[in-house]
Amino acid sequence: MTDAHLTETPMLDFRSGGLACLIKERGWADLSPTERVGAAYDFVRNEILFGYNTNDILPASKVLDDGIGQCNTKSTLLMALLRGLDIPCRFHGFTIDKSLQRGIVPELFYPLAPRAILHSWVEVRLVDDWIELEGFILDEGVLRSLQRAFPNLDALCGYGAGTDSLHSPAVEWNGVGTYIQRTGINRDLGVFDTPDAFYAGHRQLSGLRGLLYRYLVRPWMNRRVEKLRNGIVPKIGDSATLSPSFTQIYNKPEVI
């Protein structure tokens, strides 16, 4: 661990008004280190709803203002809150297979999505050990909706989830690692002190495809997530890409 795991950066702007006020108003700084991690984690998991921001390189203050986030933007916000609470943390970058977003990305645009999508989780330093945190990505409403939709399914890679234990995922903070998209990972890009350093060398969806995503596909994806949160699970169109067990149990009507 070094001071680099506690410093502020343009993306980890924990001294900004919104983040500093949040930490003060919630009284998180008065908690023990383990409780501070849990408070920040629970806030990012459930008070910042699962959804898609304009891009991955937003500062934490903007993610907080948006009130939504996905793996990468929620990671940025969680790291900023942790550093504002004097909890050392670092960024671990990966890619995930695009099948994890099947059901969220509209079927019309799914073939255009890159096969490998940037992904990340946060690692916190507590009691001389690094603990991996990824289970904050899906809010409770989305997770419960998936559990109700697939009552007999354990392994799921789709709808923003990548887990082999859908009905008992390790998403609650109890001092050990948490995960909800881990089974979709297909490449480890390494550990970085900050998201700023990671995105300096890893970007995607630029140019025309980036504009298409930002202004057309992303709002559509967010509408689908909101329907999912409300119990309406969009059907995945091409059953040939699904596992037999997944195909057999899926009988929901298609909702776009």
C-alpha atoms as a PDB file:
ATOM      1  CA  MET A   1       0.000   0.000   0.000  1.00  0.00           C
ATOM      2  CA  THR A   2       1.189   3.515  -0.801  1.00  0.00           C
ATOM      3  CA  ASP A   3      -0.143   7.051  -0.589  1.00  0.00           C
ATOM      4  CA  ALA A   4      -1.303   6.495  -4.171  1.00  0.00           C
ATOM      5  CA  HIS A   5      -4.135   4.414  -2.736  1.00  0.00           C
ATOM      6  CA  LEU A   6      -5.487   7.410  -0.804  1.00  0.00           C
ATOM      7  CA  THR A   7      -4.910  10.398  -3.077  1.00  0.00           C
ATOM      8  CA  GLU A   8      -7.516  12.468  -4.899  1.00  0.00           C
ATOM      9  CA  THR A   9      -7.468  12.525  -8.713  1.00  0.00           C
ATOM     10  CA  PRO A  10      -9.617  14.203 -11.391  1.00  0.00           C
ATOM     11  CA  MET A  11     -11.873  11.123 -11.438  1.00  0.00           C
ATOM     12  CA  LEU A  12     -11.662  10.405  -7.702  1.00  0.00           C
ATOM     13  CA  ASP A  13     -12.711  13.916  -6.704  1.00  0.00           C
ATOM     14  CA  PHE A  14     -13.785  13.097  -3.154  1.00  0.00           C
ATOM     15  CA  ARG A  15     -13.215  16.660  -1.957  1.00  0.00           C
ATOM     16  CA  SER A  16     -15.904  17.947  -4.313  1.00  0.00           C
ATOM     17  CA  GLY A  17     -18.919  19.494  -2.635  1.00  0.00           C
ATOM     18  CA  GLY A  18     -21.361  16.666  -3.313  1.00  0.00           C
ATOM     19  CA  LEU A  19     -19.187  13.813  -2.098  1.00  0.00           C
ATOM     20  CA  ALA A  20     -17.791  15.685   0.894  1.00  0.00           C
ATOM     21  CA  CYS A  21     -21.299  16.723   1.957  1.00  0.00           C
ATOM     22  CA  LEU A  22     -22.592  13.174   1.566  1.00  0.00           C
ATOM     23  CA  ILE A  23     -19.857  11.763   3.792  1.00  0.00           C
ATOM     24  CA  LYS A  24     -20.483  14.445   6.412  1.00  0.00           C
ATOM     25  CA  GLU A  25     -24.288  14.186   6.358  1.00  0.00           C
ATOM     26  CA  ARG A  26     -24.229  10.407   6.727  1.00  0.00           C
ATOM     27  CA  GLY A  27     -21.707  10.527   9.568  1.00  0.00           C
ATOM     28  CA  TRP A  28     -19.638   7.810   7.927  1.00  0.00           C
ATOM     29  CA  ALA A  29     -16.315   9.198   9.116  1.00  0.00           C
ATOM     30  CA  ASP A  30     -17.277   8.347  12.711  1.00  0.00           C
ATOM     31  CA  LEU A  31     -17.582   4.634  11.934  1.00  0.00           C
ATOM     32  CA  SER A  32     -14.925   1.952  12.232  1.00  0.00           C
ATOM     33  CA  PRO A  33     -12.936   1.208   9.051  1.00  0.00           C
ATOM     34  CA  THR A  34     -14.973  -1.946   8.312  1.00  0.00           C
ATOM     35  CA  GLU A  35     -18.223  -0.049   8.872  1.00  0.00           C
ATOM     36  CA  ARG A  36     -17.023   2.794   6.639  1.00  0.00           C
ATOM     37  CA  VAL A  37     -16.453   0.359   3.798  1.00  0.00           C
ATOM     38  CA  GLY A  38     -19.890  -1.150   4.354  1.00  0.00           C
ATOM     39  CA  ALA A  39     -21.633   2.225   4.431  1.00  0.00           C
ATOM     40  CA  ALA A  40     -20.034   3.410   1.194  1.00  0.00           C
ATOM     41  CA  TYR A  41     -20.563   0.025  -0.435  1.00  0.00           C
ATOM     42  CA  ASP A  42     -24.262  -0.178   0.477  1.00  0.00           C
ATOM     43  CA  PHE A  43     -24.831   3.370  -0.728  1.00  0.00           C
ATOM     44  CA  VAL A  44     -23.267   2.711  -4.128  1.00  0.00           C
ATOM     45  CA  ARG A  45     -25.013  -0.627  -4.461  1.00  0.00           C
ATOM     46  CA  ASN A  46     -28.585   0.462  -3.758  1.00  0.00           C
ATOM     47  CA  GLU A  47     -28.844   4.248  -3.726  1.00  0.00           C
ATOM     48  CA  ILE A  48     -27.004   4.562  -7.039  1.00  0.00           C
ATOM     49  CA  LEU A  49     -29.234   2.473  -9.292  1.00  0.00           C
ATOM     50  CA  PHE A  50     -27.876   0.160 -11.951  1.00  0.00           C
ATOM     51  CA  GLY A  51     -27.858   2.056 -15.254  1.00  0.00           C
ATOM     52  CA  TYR A  52     -25.642   3.356 -18.005  1.00  0.00           C
ATOM     53  CA  ASN A  53     -23.908   6.749 -17.910  1.00  0.00           C
ATOM     54  CA  THR A  54     -22.688   8.658 -20.955  1.00  0.00           C
ATOM     55  CA  ASN A  55     -19.201   7.121 -20.691  1.00  0.00           C
ATOM     56  CA  ASP A  56     -16.783   5.370 -18.337  1.00  0.00           C
ATOM     57  CA  ILE A  57     -14.447   8.268 -17.583  1.00  0.00           C
ATOM     58  CA  LEU A  58     -16.819  10.446 -15.572  1.00  0.00           C
ATOM     59  CA  PRO A  59     -15.563  11.867 -12.273  1.00  0.00           C
ATOM     60  CA  ALA A  60     -17.162  10.422  -9.174  1.00  0.00           C
ATOM     61  CA  SER A  61     -19.059  13.662  -8.503  1.00  0.00           C
ATOM     62  CA  LYS A  62     -20.834  13.333 -11.861  1.00  0.00           C
ATOM     63  CA  VAL A  63     -21.754   9.702 -11.184  1.00  0.00           C
ATOM     64  CA  LEU A  64     -23.234  10.821  -7.869  1.00  0.00           C
ATOM     65  CA  ASP A  65     -25.233  13.517  -9.658  1.00  0.00           C
ATOM     66  CA  ASP A  66     -26.444  11.022 -12.269  1.00  0.00           C
ATOM     67  CA  GLY A  67     -27.769   8.700  -9.570  1.00  0.00           C
ATOM     68  CA  ILE A  68     -27.080   5.685 -11.788  1.00  0.00           C
ATOM     69  CA  GLY A  69     -24.027   3.671 -12.737  1.00  0.00           C
ATOM     70  CA  GLN A  70     -22.640   0.425 -14.071  1.00  0.00           C
ATOM     71  CA  CYS A  71     -19.530  -1.532 -13.104  1.00  0.00           C
ATOM     72  CA  ASN A  72     -16.992   1.088 -14.150  1.00  0.00           C
ATOM     73  CA  THR A  73     -18.741   4.268 -13.056  1.00  0.00           C
ATOM     74  CA  LYS A  74     -19.919   2.751  -9.785  1.00  0.00           C
ATOM     75  CA  SER A  75     -16.338   1.630  -9.168  1.00  0.00           C
ATOM     76  CA  THR A  76     -15.154   5.216  -9.587  1.00  0.00           C
ATOM     77  CA  LEU A  77     -17.752   6.510  -7.149  1.00  0.00           C
ATOM     78  CA  LEU A  78     -17.059   3.811  -4.570  1.00  0.00           C
ATOM     79  CA  MET A  79     -13.315   4.458  -4.747  1.00  0.00           C
ATOM     80  CA  ALA A  80     -13.824   8.197  -4.260  1.00  0.00           C
ATOM     81  CA  LEU A  81     -16.047   7.633  -1.222  1.00  0.00           C
ATOM     82  CA  LEU A  82     -13.584   5.161   0.259  1.00  0.00           C
ATOM     83  CA  ARG A  83     -10.648   7.533  -0.156  1.00  0.00           C
ATOM     84  CA  GLY A  84     -12.744  10.325   1.315  1.00  0.00           C
ATOM     85  CA  LEU A  85     -13.163   8.019   4.311  1.00  0.00           C
ATOM     86  CA  ASP A  86      -9.409   7.337   4.500  1.00  0.00           C
ATOM     87  CA  ILE A  87      -9.790   3.747   3.268  1.00  0.00           C
ATOM     88  CA  PRO A  88      -6.993   2.688   0.875  1.00  0.00           C
ATOM     89  CA  CYS A  89      -8.312   1.272  -2.389  1.00  0.00           C
ATOM     90  CA  ARG A  90      -7.227   0.428  -5.904  1.00  0.00           C
ATOM     91  CA  PHE A  91      -8.767  -0.380  -9.294  1.00  0.00           C
ATOM     92  CA  HIS A  92      -8.681  -3.780 -11.017  1.00  0.00           C
ATOM     93  CA  GLY A  93      -9.486  -3.790 -14.723  1.00  0.00           C
ATOM     94  CA  PHE A  94     -10.856  -6.624 -16.836  1.00  0.00           C
ATOM     95  CA  THR A  95     -12.939  -7.290 -19.891  1.00  0.00           C
ATOM     96  CA  ILE A  96     -16.182  -9.249 -19.844  1.00  0.00           C
ATOM     97  CA  ASP A  97     -17.876 -11.082 -22.685  1.00  0.00           C
ATOM     98  CA  LYS A  98     -20.694  -9.068 -24.197  1.00  0.00           C
ATOM     99  CA  SER A  99     -23.119 -11.934 -23.511  1.00  0.00           C
ATOM    100  CA  LEU A 100     -23.314 -10.613 -19.948  1.00  0.00           C
ATOM    101  CA  GLN A 101     -25.240  -7.621 -21.292  1.00  0.00           C
ATOM    102  CA  ARG A 102     -27.609  -9.709 -23.390  1.00  0.00           C
ATOM    103  CA  GLY A 103     -31.145  -8.713 -22.496  1.00  0.00           C
ATOM    104  CA  ILE A 104     -30.025  -5.181 -21.605  1.00  0.00           C
ATOM    105  CA  VAL A 105     -28.559  -4.232 -24.984  1.00  0.00           C
ATOM    106  CA  PRO A 106     -31.457  -4.103 -27.480  1.00  0.00           C
ATOM    107  CA  GLU A 107     -31.355  -7.133 -29.781  1.00  0.00           C
ATOM    108  CA  LEU A 108     -31.183  -4.858 -32.825  1.00  0.00           C
ATOM    109  CA  PHE A 109     -27.801  -3.499 -31.660  1.00  0.00           C
ATOM    110  CA  TYR A 110     -26.389  -6.556 -29.922  1.00  0.00           C
ATOM    111  CA  PRO A 111     -24.386  -7.749 -32.973  1.00  0.00           C
ATOM    112  CA  LEU A 112     -22.676  -4.330 -33.110  1.00  0.00           C
ATOM    113  CA  ALA A 113     -21.470  -4.448 -29.496  1.00  0.00           C
ATOM    114  CA  PRO A 114     -17.750  -5.227 -29.019  1.00  0.00           C
ATOM    115  CA  ARG A 115     -17.125  -8.827 -27.967  1.00  0.00           C
ATOM    116  CA  ALA A 116     -14.980  -7.738 -25.003  1.00  0.00           C
ATOM    117  CA  ILE A 117     -16.394  -4.956 -22.818  1.00  0.00           C
ATOM    118  CA  LEU A 118     -14.355  -3.052 -20.235  1.00  0.00           C
ATOM    119  CA  HIS A 119     -15.111  -4.083 -16.678  1.00  0.00           C
ATOM    120  CA  SER A 120     -13.709  -3.324 -13.237  1.00  0.00           C
ATOM    121  CA  TRP A 121     -13.982  -3.934  -9.551  1.00  0.00           C
ATOM    122  CA  VAL A 122     -12.603  -2.170  -6.470  1.00  0.00           C
ATOM    123  CA  GLU A 123     -10.077  -3.611  -4.045  1.00  0.00           C
ATOM    124  CA  VAL A 124      -9.934  -2.227  -0.506  1.00  0.00           C
ATOM    125  CA  ARG A 125      -7.162  -2.601   2.050  1.00  0.00           C
ATOM    126  CA  LEU A 126      -8.347  -3.748   5.479  1.00  0.00           C
ATOM    127  CA  VAL A 127      -6.252  -5.402   8.194  1.00  0.00           C
ATOM    128  CA  ASP A 128      -3.291  -5.957   5.866  1.00  0.00           C
ATOM    129  CA  ASP A 129      -5.379  -7.693   3.206  1.00  0.00           C
ATOM    130  CA  TRP A 130      -6.858  -6.655  -0.136  1.00  0.00           C
ATOM    131  CA  ILE A 131     -10.592  -7.412  -0.458  1.00  0.00           C
ATOM    132  CA  GLU A 132     -12.300  -7.511  -3.867  1.00  0.00           C
ATOM    133  CA  LEU A 133     -15.615  -5.668  -4.225  1.00  0.00           C
ATOM    134  CA  GLU A 134     -17.804  -6.179  -7.295  1.00  0.00           C
ATOM    135  CA  GLY A 135     -21.215  -7.034  -5.857  1.00  0.00           C
ATOM    136  CA  PHE A 136     -22.340  -3.404  -5.764  1.00  0.00           C
ATOM    137  CA  ILE A 137     -23.117  -3.239  -9.502  1.00  0.00           C
ATOM    138  CA  LEU A 138     -26.742  -4.454  -9.542  1.00  0.00           C
ATOM    139  CA  ASP A 139     -29.136  -2.735  -7.171  1.00  0.00           C
ATOM    140  CA  GLU A 140     -31.447  -4.876  -5.071  1.00  0.00           C
ATOM    141  CA  GLY A 141     -34.454  -4.189  -7.303  1.00  0.00           C
ATOM    142  CA  VAL A 142     -32.764  -5.531 -10.437  1.00  0.00           C
ATOM    143  CA  LEU A 143     -31.319  -8.544  -8.629  1.00  0.00           C
ATOM    144  CA  ARG A 144     -34.653  -9.509  -7.055  1.00  0.00           C
ATOM    145  CA  SER A 145     -36.399  -9.187 -10.415  1.00  0.00           C
ATOM    146  CA  LEU A 146     -33.917 -11.610 -11.997  1.00  0.00           C
ATOM    147  CA  GLN A 147     -34.335 -14.046  -9.123  1.00  0.00           C
ATOM    148  CA  ARG A 148     -38.109 -14.009  -9.558  1.00  0.00           C
ATOM    149  CA  ALA A 149     -37.857 -14.387 -13.337  1.00  0.00           C
ATOM    150  CA  PHE A 150     -35.539 -17.397 -13.134  1.00  0.00           C
ATOM    151  CA  PRO A 151     -36.551 -19.327  -9.999  1.00  0.00           C
ATOM    152  CA  ASN A 152     -34.830 -22.557 -11.081  1.00  0.00           C
ATOM    153  CA  LEU A 153     -31.625 -21.057 -12.442  1.00  0.00           C
ATOM    154  CA  ASP A 154     -28.339 -20.937 -10.568  1.00  0.00           C
ATOM    155  CA  ALA A 155     -25.877 -19.835 -13.281  1.00  0.00           C
ATOM    156  CA  LEU A 156     -26.767 -16.733 -15.285  1.00  0.00           C
ATOM    157  CA  CYS A 157     -24.721 -14.709 -17.749  1.00  0.00           C
ATOM    158  CA  GLY A 158     -27.023 -12.016 -19.047  1.00  0.00           C
ATOM    159  CA  TYR A 159     -29.117  -9.023 -17.960  1.00  0.00           C
ATOM    160  CA  GLY A 160     -26.046  -7.468 -16.342  1.00  0.00           C
ATOM    161  CA  ALA A 161     -25.352 -10.495 -14.131  1.00  0.00           C
ATOM    162  CA  GLY A 162     -22.539 -13.024 -14.351  1.00  0.00           C
ATOM    163  CA  THR A 163     -22.926 -15.431 -11.461  1.00  0.00           C
ATOM    164  CA  ASP A 164     -23.139 -19.133 -10.737  1.00  0.00           C
ATOM    165  CA  SER A 165     -25.307 -18.549  -7.639  1.00  0.00           C
ATOM    166  CA  LEU A 166     -28.148 -16.277  -8.737  1.00  0.00           C
ATOM    167  CA  HIS A 167     -30.290 -16.964  -5.668  1.00  0.00           C
ATOM    168  CA  SER A 168     -27.510 -16.600  -3.115  1.00  0.00           C
ATOM    169  CA  PRO A 169     -24.938 -14.279  -4.707  1.00  0.00           C
ATOM    170  CA  ALA A 170     -22.107 -12.874  -2.617  1.00  0.00           C
ATOM    171  CA  VAL A 171     -23.281  -9.264  -2.764  1.00  0.00           C
ATOM    172  CA  GLU A 172     -23.743  -8.318   0.902  1.00  0.00           C
ATOM    173  CA  TRP A 173     -20.795  -6.622   2.612  1.00  0.00           C
ATOM    174  CA  ASN A 174     -19.568  -8.808   5.474  1.00  0.00           C
ATOM    175  CA  GLY A 175     -15.841  -8.202   5.352  1.00  0.00           C
ATOM    176  CA  VAL A 176     -15.007 -10.534   2.459  1.00  0.00           C
ATOM    177  CA  GLY A 177     -15.136 -10.291  -1.338  1.00  0.00           C
ATOM    178  CA  THR A 178     -18.401  -9.614  -3.156  1.00  0.00           C
ATOM    179  CA  TYR A 179     -19.221 -10.516  -6.762  1.00  0.00           C
ATOM    180  CA  ILE A 180     -22.071 -10.329  -9.285  1.00  0.00           C
ATOM    181  CA  GLN A 181     -20.388 -10.243 -12.728  1.00  0.00           C
ATOM    182  CA  ARG A 182     -17.277 -12.335 -12.126  1.00  0.00           C
ATOM    183  CA  THR A 183     -18.252 -15.334 -14.276  1.00  0.00           C
ATOM    184  CA  GLY A 184     -18.428 -13.107 -17.361  1.00  0.00           C
ATOM    185  CA  ILE A 185     -14.778 -12.044 -17.131  1.00  0.00           C
ATOM    186  CA  ASN A 186     -12.644 -13.155 -20.070  1.00  0.00           C
ATOM    187  CA  ARG A 187      -9.433 -11.123 -19.594  1.00  0.00           C
ATOM    188  CA  ASP A 188      -7.516  -9.655 -16.657  1.00  0.00           C
ATOM    189  CA  LEU A 189      -6.041  -6.228 -17.476  1.00  0.00           C
ATOM    190  CA  GLY A 190      -4.253  -5.762 -14.168  1.00  0.00           C
ATOM    191  CA  VAL A 191      -4.332  -3.603 -11.058  1.00  0.00           C
ATOM    192  CA  PHE A 192      -4.086   0.202 -11.176  1.00  0.00           C
ATOM    193  CA  ASP A 193      -3.801   2.806  -8.433  1.00  0.00           C
ATOM    194  CA  THR A 194      -6.611   4.843 -10.004  1.00  0.00           C
ATOM    195  CA  PRO A 195      -9.258   4.623 -12.711  1.00  0.00           C
ATOM    196  CA  ASP A 196      -7.545   7.618 -14.322  1.00  0.00           C
ATOM    197  CA  ALA A 197      -4.469   5.473 -14.960  1.00  0.00           C
ATOM    198  CA  PHE A 198      -6.524   2.594 -16.333  1.00  0.00           C
ATOM    199  CA  TYR A 199      -8.537   4.683 -18.803  1.00  0.00           C
ATOM    200  CA  ALA A 200      -5.406   6.429 -20.021  1.00  0.00           C
ATOM    201  CA  GLY A 201      -4.606   3.175 -21.789  1.00  0.00           C
ATOM    202  CA  HIS A 202      -7.987   1.466 -22.209  1.00  0.00           C
ATOM    203  CA  ARG A 203     -10.935   3.011 -24.030  1.00  0.00           C
ATOM    204  CA  GLN A 204     -13.732   1.742 -26.231  1.00  0.00           C
ATOM    205  CA  LEU A 205     -16.740   2.933 -28.209  1.00  0.00           C
ATOM    206  CA  SER A 206     -15.147   5.993 -29.765  1.00  0.00           C
ATOM    207  CA  GLY A 207     -16.105   7.819 -32.943  1.00  0.00           C
ATOM    208  CA  LEU A 208     -19.397   7.083 -34.668  1.00  0.00           C
ATOM    209  CA  ARG A 209     -20.067   3.955 -32.627  1.00  0.00           C
ATOM    210  CA  GLY A 210     -19.525   5.950 -29.451  1.00  0.00           C
ATOM    211  CA  LEU A 211     -22.017   8.597 -30.528  1.00  0.00           C
ATOM    212  CA  LEU A 212     -24.542   5.923 -31.475  1.00  0.00           C
ATOM    213  CA  TYR A 213     -24.164   4.354 -28.053  1.00  0.00           C
ATOM    214  CA  ARG A 214     -24.383   7.618 -26.136  1.00  0.00           C
ATOM    215  CA  TYR A 215     -27.429   9.113 -27.804  1.00  0.00           C
ATOM    216  CA  LEU A 216     -29.449   6.124 -29.027  1.00  0.00           C
ATOM    217  CA  VAL A 217     -28.463   2.778 -27.514  1.00  0.00           C
ATOM    218  CA  ARG A 218     -27.701   3.944 -23.965  1.00  0.00           C
ATOM    219  CA  PRO A 219     -31.103   5.589 -23.323  1.00  0.00           C
ATOM    220  CA  TRP A 220     -32.765   2.481 -24.736  1.00  0.00           C
ATOM    221  CA  MET A 221     -30.694   0.291 -22.406  1.00  0.00           C
ATOM    222  CA  ASN A 222     -31.673   2.417 -19.418  1.00  0.00           C
ATOM    223  CA  ARG A 223     -35.358   2.068 -20.285  1.00  0.00           C
ATOM    224  CA  ARG A 224     -34.915  -1.701 -20.432  1.00  0.00           C
ATOM    225  CA  VAL A 225     -33.143  -1.709 -17.055  1.00  0.00           C
ATOM    226  CA  GLU A 226     -35.989   0.274 -15.526  1.00  0.00           C
ATOM    227  CA  LYS A 227     -38.519  -2.221 -16.884  1.00  0.00           C
ATOM    228  CA  LEU A 228     -36.391  -5.036 -15.533  1.00  0.00           C
ATOM    229  CA  ARG A 229     -36.320  -3.374 -12.129  1.00  0.00           C
ATOM    230  CA  ASN A 230     -40.116  -3.248 -12.288  1.00  0.00           C
ATOM    231  CA  GLY A 231     -40.399  -6.955 -13.033  1.00  0.00           C
ATOM    232  CA  ILE A 232     -40.631  -6.897 -16.835  1.00  0.00           C
ATOM    233  CA  VAL A 233     -37.767  -9.051 -18.103  1.00  0.00           C
ATOM    234  CA  PRO A 234     -36.931  -8.523 -21.790  1.00  0.00           C
ATOM    235  CA  LYS A 235     -36.663 -11.770 -23.720  1.00  0.00           C
ATOM    236  CA  ILE A 236     -33.306 -12.726 -25.189  1.00  0.00           C
ATOM    237  CA  GLY A 237     -34.035 -13.269 -28.849  1.00  0.00           C
ATOM    238  CA  ASP A 238     -31.498 -15.800 -30.144  1.00  0.00           C
ATOM    239  CA  SER A 239     -31.968 -18.908 -28.002  1.00  0.00           C
ATOM    240  CA  ALA A 240     -29.201 -20.674 -29.914  1.00  0.00           C
ATOM    241  CA  THR A 241     -26.647 -18.719 -27.895  1.00  0.00           C
ATOM    242  CA  LEU A 242     -28.127 -19.771 -24.563  1.00  0.00           C
ATOM    243  CA  SER A 243     -27.308 -22.787 -22.462  1.00  0.00           C
ATOM    244  CA  PRO A 244     -29.952 -25.572 -22.655  1.00  0.00           C
ATOM    245  CA  SER A 245     -31.022 -25.033 -19.060  1.00  0.00           C
ATOM    246  CA  PHE A 246     -31.469 -21.315 -19.668  1.00  0.00           C
ATOM    247  CA  THR A 247     -33.471 -21.861 -22.854  1.00  0.00           C
ATOM    248  CA  GLN A 248     -35.748 -24.423 -21.245  1.00  0.00           C
ATOM    249  CA  ILE A 249     -36.868 -22.242 -18.360  1.00  0.00           C
ATOM    250  CA  TYR A 250     -37.238 -18.977 -20.241  1.00  0.00           C
ATOM    251  CA  ASN A 251     -40.831 -18.419 -21.253  1.00  0.00           C
ATOM    252  CA  LYS A 252     -41.376 -14.724 -20.604  1.00  0.00           C
ATOM    253  CA  PRO A 253     -43.061 -12.616 -23.313  1.00  0.00           C
ATOM    254  CA  GLU A 254     -40.744 -10.380 -25.259  1.00  0.00           C
ATOM    255  CA  VAL A 255     -40.792  -6.776 -24.132  1.00  0.00           C
ATOM    256  CA  ILE A 256     -38.726  -4.163 -25.953  1.00  0.00           C
END
